[in-house]
């Protein structure tokens, strides 16, 4: 079950491409913060971090076909890193860098 815990949802970025970071910031501020979810960036990765955002050229990460033959495959993946009593306390969101500005670069 994924549901808001009523507090600020802290986002931490690990090595994000500037375009990806800009997109994540925009979505966080203009899409999520206009709902009941309040988000903020936190430069420290610790147990209070709710969402970790990463990007790289993933290829076959996690058993998924990110770069399928003749088609683009997956663009991103969200996983639960810390499950506490059927509630995900920490997620990692991954974006594949083989995509850029809506175009497949594979």
PDB file of N, CA and C in Angstrom:
ATOM      1  N   UNK A   1       0.853  -1.168   0.000  1.00  0.00           N
ATOM      2  CA  UNK A   1       0.000   0.000   0.000  1.00  0.00           C
ATOM      3  C   UNK A   1       0.901   1.234   0.000  1.00  0.00           C
ATOM      4  N   UNK A   2       0.627   2.169  -0.885  1.00  0.00           N
ATOM      5  CA  UNK A   2       1.376   3.417  -0.944  1.00  0.00           C
ATOM      6  C   UNK A   2       0.425   4.548  -0.600  1.00  0.00           C
ATOM      7  N   UNK A   3       0.676   5.196   0.509  1.00  0.00           N
ATOM      8  CA  UNK A   3      -0.175   6.318   0.875  1.00  0.00           C
ATOM      9  C   UNK A   3       0.662   7.353   1.620  1.00  0.00           C
ATOM     10  N   UNK A   4       0.228   8.576   1.536  1.00  0.00           N
ATOM     11  CA  UNK A   4       0.946   9.666   2.186  1.00  0.00           C
ATOM     12  C   UNK A   4       0.861   9.531   3.697  1.00  0.00           C
ATOM     13  N   UNK A   5       1.934   9.907   4.376  1.00  0.00           N
ATOM     14  CA  UNK A   5       1.957   9.786   5.837  1.00  0.00           C
ATOM     15  C   UNK A   5       1.556  11.076   6.547  1.00  0.00           C
ATOM     16  N   UNK A   6       1.149  12.080   5.795  1.00  0.00           N
ATOM     17  CA  UNK A   6       0.675  13.318   6.398  1.00  0.00           C
ATOM     18  C   UNK A   6       1.770  14.342   6.640  1.00  0.00           C
ATOM     19  N   UNK A   7       3.021  13.953   6.480  1.00  0.00           N
ATOM     20  CA  UNK A   7       4.125  14.886   6.669  1.00  0.00           C
ATOM     21  C   UNK A   7       4.743  15.265   5.336  1.00  0.00           C
ATOM     22  N   UNK A   8       5.798  16.031   5.398  1.00  0.00           N
ATOM     23  CA  UNK A   8       6.531  16.405   4.196  1.00  0.00           C
ATOM     24  C   UNK A   8       7.176  15.167   3.587  1.00  0.00           C
ATOM     25  N   UNK A   9       7.101  15.053   2.286  1.00  0.00           N
ATOM     26  CA  UNK A   9       7.752  13.960   1.558  1.00  0.00           C
ATOM     27  C   UNK A   9       9.099  14.475   1.063  1.00  0.00           C
ATOM     28  N   UNK A  10      10.148  13.957   1.672  1.00  0.00           N
ATOM     29  CA  UNK A  10      11.505  14.424   1.389  1.00  0.00           C
ATOM     30  C   UNK A  10      12.090  13.683   0.199  1.00  0.00           C
ATOM     31  N   UNK A  11      12.579  14.431  -0.796  1.00  0.00           N
ATOM     32  CA  UNK A  11      13.194  13.894  -1.999  1.00  0.00           C
ATOM     33  C   UNK A  11      14.701  14.107  -1.922  1.00  0.00           C
ATOM     34  N   UNK A  12      15.457  13.080  -2.308  1.00  0.00           N
ATOM     35  CA  UNK A  12      16.915  13.179  -2.383  1.00  0.00           C
ATOM     36  C   UNK A  12      17.341  12.717  -3.771  1.00  0.00           C
ATOM     37  N   UNK A  13      18.217  13.489  -4.430  1.00  0.00           N
ATOM     38  CA  UNK A  13      18.655  13.172  -5.788  1.00  0.00           C
ATOM     39  C   UNK A  13      20.081  12.645  -5.749  1.00  0.00           C
ATOM     40  N   UNK A  14      20.330  11.587  -6.507  1.00  0.00           N
ATOM     41  CA  UNK A  14      21.672  11.026  -6.589  1.00  0.00           C
ATOM     42  C   UNK A  14      22.150  11.130  -8.034  1.00  0.00           C
ATOM     43  N   UNK A  15      23.099  12.030  -8.277  1.00  0.00           N
ATOM     44  CA  UNK A  15      23.750  12.169  -9.578  1.00  0.00           C
ATOM     45  C   UNK A  15      22.831  12.435 -10.747  1.00  0.00           C
ATOM     46  N   UNK A  16      21.814  13.259 -10.566  1.00  0.00           N
ATOM     47  CA  UNK A  16      20.853  13.478 -11.648  1.00  0.00           C
ATOM     48  C   UNK A  16      21.423  14.344 -12.763  1.00  0.00           C
ATOM     49  N   UNK A  17      21.117  13.948 -13.995  1.00  0.00           N
ATOM     50  CA  UNK A  17      21.357  14.771 -15.167  1.00  0.00           C
ATOM     51  C   UNK A  17      20.591  16.082 -14.956  1.00  0.00           C
ATOM     52  N   UNK A  18      21.160  17.237 -15.324  1.00  0.00           N
ATOM     53  CA  UNK A  18      20.462  18.512 -15.087  1.00  0.00           C
ATOM     54  C   UNK A  18      19.044  18.578 -15.663  1.00  0.00           C
ATOM     55  N   UNK A  19      18.826  18.007 -16.831  1.00  0.00           N
ATOM     56  CA  UNK A  19      17.479  18.030 -17.423  1.00  0.00           C
ATOM     57  C   UNK A  19      16.513  17.170 -16.617  1.00  0.00           C
ATOM     58  N   UNK A  20      16.987  16.025 -16.124  1.00  0.00           N
ATOM     59  CA  UNK A  20      16.140  15.153 -15.302  1.00  0.00           C
ATOM     60  C   UNK A  20      15.832  15.843 -13.979  1.00  0.00           C
ATOM     61  N   UNK A  21      16.841  16.461 -13.368  1.00  0.00           N
ATOM     62  CA  UNK A  21      16.627  17.161 -12.098  1.00  0.00           C
ATOM     63  C   UNK A  21      15.620  18.286 -12.265  1.00  0.00           C
ATOM     64  N   UNK A  22      15.726  19.026 -13.341  1.00  0.00           N
ATOM     65  CA  UNK A  22      14.773  20.106 -13.601  1.00  0.00           C
ATOM     66  C   UNK A  22      13.349  19.553 -13.751  1.00  0.00           C
ATOM     67  N   UNK A  23      13.210  18.440 -14.455  1.00  0.00           N
ATOM     68  CA  UNK A  23      11.888  17.823 -14.647  1.00  0.00           C
ATOM     69  C   UNK A  23      11.319  17.315 -13.334  1.00  0.00           C
ATOM     70  N   UNK A  24      12.163  16.675 -12.518  1.00  0.00           N
ATOM     71  CA  UNK A  24      11.702  16.162 -11.228  1.00  0.00           C
ATOM     72  C   UNK A  24      11.292  17.318 -10.316  1.00  0.00           C
ATOM     73  N   UNK A  25      12.096  18.377 -10.285  1.00  0.00           N
ATOM     74  CA  UNK A  25      11.742  19.546  -9.473  1.00  0.00           C
ATOM     75  C   UNK A  25      10.408  20.134  -9.913  1.00  0.00           C
ATOM     76  N   UNK A  26      10.216  20.264 -11.217  1.00  0.00           N
ATOM     77  CA  UNK A  26       8.966  20.816 -11.735  1.00  0.00           C
ATOM     78  C   UNK A  26       7.783  19.950 -11.305  1.00  0.00           C
ATOM     79  N   UNK A  27       7.902  18.627 -11.512  1.00  0.00           N
ATOM     80  CA  UNK A  27       6.804  17.718 -11.141  1.00  0.00           C
ATOM     81  C   UNK A  27       6.539  17.762  -9.644  1.00  0.00           C
ATOM     82  N   UNK A  28       7.608  17.813  -8.865  1.00  0.00           N
ATOM     83  CA  UNK A  28       7.468  17.834  -7.406  1.00  0.00           C
ATOM     84  C   UNK A  28       6.743  19.098  -6.964  1.00  0.00           C
ATOM     85  N   UNK A  29       7.139  20.241  -7.487  1.00  0.00           N
ATOM     86  CA  UNK A  29       6.588  21.529  -7.047  1.00  0.00           C
ATOM     87  C   UNK A  29       5.209  21.809  -7.651  1.00  0.00           C
ATOM     88  N   UNK A  30       5.057  21.581  -8.961  1.00  0.00           N
ATOM     89  CA  UNK A  30       3.822  21.997  -9.633  1.00  0.00           C
ATOM     90  C   UNK A  30       2.774  20.902  -9.752  1.00  0.00           C
ATOM     91  N   UNK A  31       3.165  19.640  -9.599  1.00  0.00           N
ATOM     92  CA  UNK A  31       2.175  18.560  -9.675  1.00  0.00           C
ATOM     93  C   UNK A  31       1.853  17.996  -8.299  1.00  0.00           C
ATOM     94  N   UNK A  32       2.872  17.637  -7.535  1.00  0.00           N
ATOM     95  CA  UNK A  32       2.617  17.033  -6.223  1.00  0.00           C
ATOM     96  C   UNK A  32       2.230  18.056  -5.168  1.00  0.00           C
ATOM     97  N   UNK A  33       2.906  19.188  -5.112  1.00  0.00           N
ATOM     98  CA  UNK A  33       2.631  20.169  -4.061  1.00  0.00           C
ATOM     99  C   UNK A  33       1.270  20.839  -4.210  1.00  0.00           C
ATOM    100  N   UNK A  34       0.626  20.684  -5.343  1.00  0.00           N
ATOM    101  CA  UNK A  34      -0.729  21.238  -5.494  1.00  0.00           C
ATOM    102  C   UNK A  34      -1.781  20.268  -4.971  1.00  0.00           C
ATOM    103  N   UNK A  35      -1.347  19.071  -4.557  1.00  0.00           N
ATOM    104  CA  UNK A  35      -2.251  18.088  -3.961  1.00  0.00           C
ATOM    105  C   UNK A  35      -2.069  18.158  -2.443  1.00  0.00           C
ATOM    106  N   UNK A  36      -2.555  17.140  -1.743  1.00  0.00           N
ATOM    107  CA  UNK A  36      -2.369  17.091  -0.291  1.00  0.00           C
ATOM    108  C   UNK A  36      -0.942  16.717   0.099  1.00  0.00           C
ATOM    109  N   UNK A  37      -0.150  16.241  -0.867  1.00  0.00           N
ATOM    110  CA  UNK A  37       1.243  15.880  -0.590  1.00  0.00           C
ATOM    111  C   UNK A  37       2.118  17.130  -0.639  1.00  0.00           C
ATOM    112  N   UNK A  38       2.898  17.336   0.387  1.00  0.00           N
ATOM    113  CA  UNK A  38       3.852  18.441   0.432  1.00  0.00           C
ATOM    114  C   UNK A  38       5.237  17.829   0.277  1.00  0.00           C
ATOM    115  N   UNK A  39       6.023  18.354  -0.671  1.00  0.00           N
ATOM    116  CA  UNK A  39       7.348  17.801  -0.925  1.00  0.00           C
ATOM    117  C   UNK A  39       8.424  18.845  -0.697  1.00  0.00           C
ATOM    118  N   UNK A  40       9.635  18.358  -0.477  1.00  0.00           N
ATOM    119  CA  UNK A  40      10.786  19.235  -0.336  1.00  0.00           C
ATOM    120  C   UNK A  40      12.034  18.447  -0.707  1.00  0.00           C
ATOM    121  N   UNK A  41      13.055  19.162  -1.155  1.00  0.00           N
ATOM    122  CA  UNK A  41      14.339  18.536  -1.460  1.00  0.00           C
ATOM    123  C   UNK A  41      15.162  18.480  -0.183  1.00  0.00           C
ATOM    124  N   UNK A  42      15.868  17.367   0.011  1.00  0.00           N
ATOM    125  CA  UNK A  42      16.761  17.213   1.157  1.00  0.00           C
ATOM    126  C   UNK A  42      18.106  16.736   0.636  1.00  0.00           C
ATOM    127  N   UNK A  43      19.161  17.467   0.917  1.00  0.00           N
ATOM    128  CA  UNK A  43      20.491  17.115   0.421  1.00  0.00           C
ATOM    129  C   UNK A  43      21.106  15.946   1.179  1.00  0.00           C
ATOM    130  N   UNK A  44      20.479  15.518   2.263  1.00  0.00           N
ATOM    131  CA  UNK A  44      21.002  14.424   3.074  1.00  0.00           C
ATOM    132  C   UNK A  44      20.156  13.170   2.874  1.00  0.00           C
ATOM    133  N   UNK A  45      20.815  12.081   2.493  1.00  0.00           N
ATOM    134  CA  UNK A  45      20.129  10.798   2.361  1.00  0.00           C
ATOM    135  C   UNK A  45      20.171  10.095   3.706  1.00  0.00           C
ATOM    136  N   UNK A  46      18.990   9.909   4.320  1.00  0.00           N
ATOM    137  CA  UNK A  46      18.922   9.240   5.616  1.00  0.00           C
ATOM    138  C   UNK A  46      17.562   8.572   5.764  1.00  0.00           C
ATOM    139  N   UNK A  47      17.239   8.110   6.945  1.00  0.00           N
ATOM    140  CA  UNK A  47      15.992   7.370   7.159  1.00  0.00           C
ATOM    141  C   UNK A  47      14.743   8.231   6.976  1.00  0.00           C
ATOM    142  N   UNK A  48      14.876   9.559   6.998  1.00  0.00           N
ATOM    143  CA  UNK A  48      13.700  10.415   6.793  1.00  0.00           C
ATOM    144  C   UNK A  48      13.432  10.680   5.312  1.00  0.00           C
ATOM    145  N   UNK A  49      14.348  10.252   4.439  1.00  0.00           N
ATOM    146  CA  UNK A  49      14.151  10.428   3.003  1.00  0.00           C
ATOM    147  C   UNK A  49      13.006   9.529   2.545  1.00  0.00           C
ATOM    148  N   UNK A  50      12.040  10.117   1.834  1.00  0.00           N
ATOM    149  CA  UNK A  50      10.894   9.358   1.346  1.00  0.00           C
ATOM    150  C   UNK A  50      11.093   8.864  -0.089  1.00  0.00           C
ATOM    151  N   UNK A  51      11.733   9.689  -0.926  1.00  0.00           N
ATOM    152  CA  UNK A  51      11.909   9.345  -2.330  1.00  0.00           C
ATOM    153  C   UNK A  51      13.353   9.629  -2.745  1.00  0.00           C
ATOM    154  N   UNK A  52      14.016   8.599  -3.245  1.00  0.00           N
ATOM    155  CA  UNK A  52      15.361   8.735  -3.796  1.00  0.00           C
ATOM    156  C   UNK A  52      15.211   8.709  -5.308  1.00  0.00           C
ATOM    157  N   UNK A  53      15.801   9.686  -5.995  1.00  0.00           N
ATOM    158  CA  UNK A  53      15.692   9.755  -7.453  1.00  0.00           C
ATOM    159  C   UNK A  53      17.078   9.575  -8.053  1.00  0.00           C
ATOM    160  N   UNK A  54      17.185   8.625  -8.986  1.00  0.00           N
ATOM    161  CA  UNK A  54      18.450   8.306  -9.666  1.00  0.00           C
ATOM    162  C   UNK A  54      18.220   8.279 -11.172  1.00  0.00           C
ATOM    163  N   UNK A  55      19.297   8.439 -11.921  1.00  0.00           N
ATOM    164  CA  UNK A  55      19.225   8.194 -13.353  1.00  0.00           C
ATOM    165  C   UNK A  55      20.555   7.635 -13.853  1.00  0.00           C
ATOM    166  N   UNK A  56      20.459   6.790 -14.852  1.00  0.00           N
ATOM    167  CA  UNK A  56      21.630   6.256 -15.532  1.00  0.00           C
ATOM    168  C   UNK A  56      21.134   5.502 -16.761  1.00  0.00           C
ATOM    169  N   UNK A  57      22.036   4.959 -17.539  1.00  0.00           N
ATOM    170  CA  UNK A  57      21.663   4.109 -18.660  1.00  0.00           C
ATOM    171  C   UNK A  57      21.530   2.699 -18.095  1.00  0.00           C
ATOM    172  N   UNK A  58      20.297   2.237 -17.855  1.00  0.00           N
ATOM    173  CA  UNK A  58      20.065   1.026 -17.082  1.00  0.00           C
ATOM    174  C   UNK A  58      20.208  -0.283 -17.843  1.00  0.00           C
ATOM    175  N   UNK A  59      19.924  -0.311 -19.122  1.00  0.00           N
ATOM    176  CA  UNK A  59      20.036  -1.578 -19.854  1.00  0.00           C
ATOM    177  C   UNK A  59      19.045  -2.608 -19.345  1.00  0.00           C
ATOM    178  N   UNK A  60      19.518  -3.654 -18.654  1.00  0.00           N
ATOM    179  CA  UNK A  60      18.646  -4.723 -18.172  1.00  0.00           C
ATOM    180  C   UNK A  60      18.466  -4.718 -16.671  1.00  0.00           C
ATOM    181  N   UNK A  61      18.513  -3.570 -16.036  1.00  0.00           N
ATOM    182  CA  UNK A  61      18.420  -3.467 -14.577  1.00  0.00           C
ATOM    183  C   UNK A  61      17.140  -4.102 -14.042  1.00  0.00           C
ATOM    184  N   UNK A  62      17.255  -4.832 -12.967  1.00  0.00           N
ATOM    185  CA  UNK A  62      16.130  -5.390 -12.214  1.00  0.00           C
ATOM    186  C   UNK A  62      15.301  -6.392 -13.022  1.00  0.00           C
ATOM    187  N   UNK A  63      15.929  -6.995 -14.037  1.00  0.00           N
ATOM    188  CA  UNK A  63      15.238  -7.995 -14.831  1.00  0.00           C
ATOM    189  C   UNK A  63      14.255  -7.453 -15.844  1.00  0.00           C
ATOM    190  N   UNK A  64      14.226  -6.143 -16.047  1.00  0.00           N
ATOM    191  CA  UNK A  64      13.312  -5.533 -17.011  1.00  0.00           C
ATOM    192  C   UNK A  64      14.051  -5.180 -18.292  1.00  0.00           C
ATOM    193  N   UNK A  65      13.330  -5.193 -19.404  1.00  0.00           N
ATOM    194  CA  UNK A  65      13.880  -4.868 -20.711  1.00  0.00           C
ATOM    195  C   UNK A  65      13.800  -3.356 -20.929  1.00  0.00           C
ATOM    196  N   UNK A  66      14.834  -2.640 -20.512  1.00  0.00           N
ATOM    197  CA  UNK A  66      14.843  -1.186 -20.646  1.00  0.00           C
ATOM    198  C   UNK A  66      15.094  -0.755 -22.081  1.00  0.00           C
ATOM    199  N   UNK A  67      15.861  -1.520 -22.816  1.00  0.00           N
ATOM    200  CA  UNK A  67      16.211  -1.181 -24.199  1.00  0.00           C
ATOM    201  C   UNK A  67      15.845  -2.346 -25.100  1.00  0.00           C
ATOM    202  N   UNK A  68      14.573  -2.552 -25.284  1.00  0.00           N
ATOM    203  CA  UNK A  68      14.124  -3.682 -26.090  1.00  0.00           C
ATOM    204  C   UNK A  68      14.515  -3.548 -27.545  1.00  0.00           C
ATOM    205  N   UNK A  69      14.769  -4.670 -28.219  1.00  0.00           N
ATOM    206  CA  UNK A  69      15.134  -4.621 -29.633  1.00  0.00           C
ATOM    207  C   UNK A  69      13.994  -4.059 -30.474  1.00  0.00           C
ATOM    208  N   UNK A  70      14.276  -3.003 -31.217  1.00  0.00           N
ATOM    209  CA  UNK A  70      13.282  -2.405 -32.100  1.00  0.00           C
ATOM    210  C   UNK A  70      12.242  -1.538 -31.409  1.00  0.00           C
ATOM    211  N   UNK A  71      12.335  -1.403 -30.088  1.00  0.00           N
ATOM    212  CA  UNK A  71      11.408  -0.520 -29.362  1.00  0.00           C
ATOM    213  C   UNK A  71      12.137   0.054 -28.155  1.00  0.00           C
ATOM    214  N   UNK A  72      11.657   1.137 -27.627  1.00  0.00           N
ATOM    215  CA  UNK A  72      12.389   1.812 -26.555  1.00  0.00           C
ATOM    216  C   UNK A  72      12.391   1.125 -25.197  1.00  0.00           C
ATOM    217  N   UNK A  73      11.471   0.212 -24.902  1.00  0.00           N
ATOM    218  CA  UNK A  73      11.480  -0.425 -23.589  1.00  0.00           C
ATOM    219  C   UNK A  73      10.968   0.506 -22.494  1.00  0.00           C
ATOM    220  N   UNK A  74      11.548   0.392 -21.296  1.00  0.00           N
ATOM    221  CA  UNK A  74      11.088   1.171 -20.134  1.00  0.00           C
ATOM    222  C   UNK A  74      11.785   2.518 -20.042  1.00  0.00           C
ATOM    223  N   UNK A  75      11.075   3.486 -19.526  1.00  0.00           N
ATOM    224  CA  UNK A  75      11.616   4.827 -19.319  1.00  0.00           C
ATOM    225  C   UNK A  75      11.982   5.029 -17.859  1.00  0.00           C
ATOM    226  N   UNK A  76      11.215   4.457 -16.949  1.00  0.00           N
ATOM    227  CA  UNK A  76      11.473   4.640 -15.528  1.00  0.00           C
ATOM    228  C   UNK A  76      10.891   3.499 -14.714  1.00  0.00           C
ATOM    229  N   UNK A  77      11.298   3.466 -13.445  1.00  0.00           N
ATOM    230  CA  UNK A  77      10.839   2.421 -12.543  1.00  0.00           C
ATOM    231  C   UNK A  77      10.827   2.972 -11.123  1.00  0.00           C
ATOM    232  N   UNK A  78       9.746   2.725 -10.392  1.00  0.00           N
ATOM    233  CA  UNK A  78       9.672   3.079  -8.978  1.00  0.00           C
ATOM    234  C   UNK A  78       9.606   1.793  -8.171  1.00  0.00           C
ATOM    235  N   UNK A  79      10.436   1.697  -7.145  1.00  0.00           N
ATOM    236  CA  UNK A  79      10.456   0.509  -6.300  1.00  0.00           C
ATOM    237  C   UNK A  79      10.343   0.929  -4.835  1.00  0.00           C
ATOM    238  N   UNK A  80       9.851   0.019  -4.023  1.00  0.00           N
ATOM    239  CA  UNK A  80       9.777   0.254  -2.588  1.00  0.00           C
ATOM    240  C   UNK A  80      11.045  -0.288  -1.949  1.00  0.00           C
ATOM    241  N   UNK A  81      11.747   0.546  -1.204  1.00  0.00           N
ATOM    242  CA  UNK A  81      12.999   0.153  -0.544  1.00  0.00           C
ATOM    243  C   UNK A  81      12.800  -0.202   0.919  1.00  0.00           C
ATOM    244  N   UNK A  82      11.751   0.324   1.532  1.00  0.00           N
ATOM    245  CA  UNK A  82      11.539   0.109   2.957  1.00  0.00           C
ATOM    246  C   UNK A  82      10.051  -0.055   3.233  1.00  0.00           C
ATOM    247  N   UNK A  83       9.649  -1.287   3.472  1.00  0.00           N
ATOM    248  CA  UNK A  83       8.247  -1.599   3.743  1.00  0.00           C
ATOM    249  C   UNK A  83       8.058  -1.775   5.247  1.00  0.00           C
ATOM    250  N   UNK A  84       7.136  -0.989   5.817  1.00  0.00           N
ATOM    251  CA  UNK A  84       6.856  -1.059   7.247  1.00  0.00           C
ATOM    252  C   UNK A  84       5.352  -1.252   7.422  1.00  0.00           C
ATOM    253  N   UNK A  85       4.969  -2.383   7.955  1.00  0.00           N
ATOM    254  CA  UNK A  85       3.564  -2.726   8.203  1.00  0.00           C
ATOM    255  C   UNK A  85       2.695  -2.403   6.976  1.00  0.00           C
ATOM    256  N   UNK A  86       3.031  -3.015   5.861  1.00  0.00           N
ATOM    257  CA  UNK A  86       2.306  -2.890   4.597  1.00  0.00           C
ATOM    258  C   UNK A  86       2.258  -1.473   4.037  1.00  0.00           C
ATOM    259  N   UNK A  87       3.151  -0.619   4.455  1.00  0.00           N
ATOM    260  CA  UNK A  87       3.228   0.739   3.939  1.00  0.00           C
ATOM    261  C   UNK A  87       4.661   1.018   3.517  1.00  0.00           C
ATOM    262  N   UNK A  88       4.840   1.510   2.309  1.00  0.00           N
ATOM    263  CA  UNK A  88       6.187   1.799   1.822  1.00  0.00           C
ATOM    264  C   UNK A  88       6.658   3.127   2.413  1.00  0.00           C
ATOM    265  N   UNK A  89       7.732   3.075   3.157  1.00  0.00           N
ATOM    266  CA  UNK A  89       8.275   4.267   3.812  1.00  0.00           C
ATOM    267  C   UNK A  89       9.337   4.967   2.965  1.00  0.00           C
ATOM    268  N   UNK A  90       9.953   4.241   2.019  1.00  0.00           N
ATOM    269  CA  UNK A  90      10.978   4.857   1.174  1.00  0.00           C
ATOM    270  C   UNK A  90      10.945   4.211  -0.206  1.00  0.00           C
ATOM    271  N   UNK A  91      10.913   5.062  -1.240  1.00  0.00           N
ATOM    272  CA  UNK A  91      10.901   4.616  -2.635  1.00  0.00           C
ATOM    273  C   UNK A  91      12.180   5.054  -3.327  1.00  0.00           C
ATOM    274  N   UNK A  92      12.551   4.319  -4.369  1.00  0.00           N
ATOM    275  CA  UNK A  92      13.560   4.802  -5.308  1.00  0.00           C
ATOM    276  C   UNK A  92      12.893   4.898  -6.670  1.00  0.00           C
ATOM    277  N   UNK A  93      13.066   6.048  -7.314  1.00  0.00           N
ATOM    278  CA  UNK A  93      12.559   6.275  -8.663  1.00  0.00           C
ATOM    279  C   UNK A  93      13.773   6.362  -9.576  1.00  0.00           C
ATOM    280  N   UNK A  94      13.766   5.543 -10.627  1.00  0.00           N
ATOM    281  CA  UNK A  94      14.885   5.516 -11.573  1.00  0.00           C
ATOM    282  C   UNK A  94      14.402   5.954 -12.947  1.00  0.00           C
ATOM    283  N   UNK A  95      15.170   6.839 -13.585  1.00  0.00           N
ATOM    284  CA  UNK A  95      14.906   7.267 -14.956  1.00  0.00           C
ATOM    285  C   UNK A  95      16.051   6.801 -15.832  1.00  0.00           C
ATOM    286  N   UNK A  96      15.716   6.261 -17.004  1.00  0.00           N
ATOM    287  CA  UNK A  96      16.729   5.769 -17.923  1.00  0.00           C
ATOM    288  C   UNK A  96      17.239   6.921 -18.788  1.00  0.00           C
ATOM    289  N   UNK A  97      18.548   7.138 -18.771  1.00  0.00           N
ATOM    290  CA  UNK A  97      19.136   8.242 -19.528  1.00  0.00           C
ATOM    291  C   UNK A  97      19.200   7.995 -21.023  1.00  0.00           C
ATOM    292  N   UNK A  98      18.799   6.817 -21.480  1.00  0.00           N
ATOM    293  CA  UNK A  98      18.765   6.614 -22.928  1.00  0.00           C
ATOM    294  C   UNK A  98      17.585   7.380 -23.538  1.00  0.00           C
ATOM    295  N   UNK A  99      16.757   7.973 -22.681  1.00  0.00           N
ATOM    296  CA  UNK A  99      15.672   8.850 -23.119  1.00  0.00           C
ATOM    297  C   UNK A  99      16.051  10.274 -22.757  1.00  0.00           C
ATOM    298  N   UNK A 100      15.777  11.205 -23.623  1.00  0.00           N
ATOM    299  CA  UNK A 100      16.087  12.587 -23.317  1.00  0.00           C
ATOM    300  C   UNK A 100      15.088  13.469 -24.060  1.00  0.00           C
ATOM    301  N   UNK A 101      14.455  14.347 -23.346  1.00  0.00           N
ATOM    302  CA  UNK A 101      13.483  15.278 -23.933  1.00  0.00           C
ATOM    303  C   UNK A 101      12.419  14.551 -24.757  1.00  0.00           C
ATOM    304  N   UNK A 102      11.979  13.383 -24.236  1.00  0.00           N
ATOM    305  CA  UNK A 102      10.902  12.656 -24.899  1.00  0.00           C
ATOM    306  C   UNK A 102      11.329  11.833 -26.092  1.00  0.00           C
ATOM    307  N   UNK A 103      12.628  11.752 -26.377  1.00  0.00           N
ATOM    308  CA  UNK A 103      13.091  10.985 -27.535  1.00  0.00           C
ATOM    309  C   UNK A 103      14.018   9.875 -27.084  1.00  0.00           C
ATOM    310  N   UNK A 104      13.858   8.720 -27.685  1.00  0.00           N
ATOM    311  CA  UNK A 104      14.717   7.582 -27.383  1.00  0.00           C
ATOM    312  C   UNK A 104      16.069   7.800 -28.067  1.00  0.00           C
ATOM    313  N   UNK A 105      17.155   7.697 -27.295  1.00  0.00           N
ATOM    314  CA  UNK A 105      18.492   7.908 -27.844  1.00  0.00           C
ATOM    315  C   UNK A 105      19.255   6.601 -28.020  1.00  0.00           C
ATOM    316  N   UNK A 106      18.600   5.464 -27.828  1.00  0.00           N
ATOM    317  CA  UNK A 106      19.263   4.166 -27.830  1.00  0.00           C
ATOM    318  C   UNK A 106      19.867   3.811 -29.122  1.00  0.00           C
TER     319      UNK A 106
END
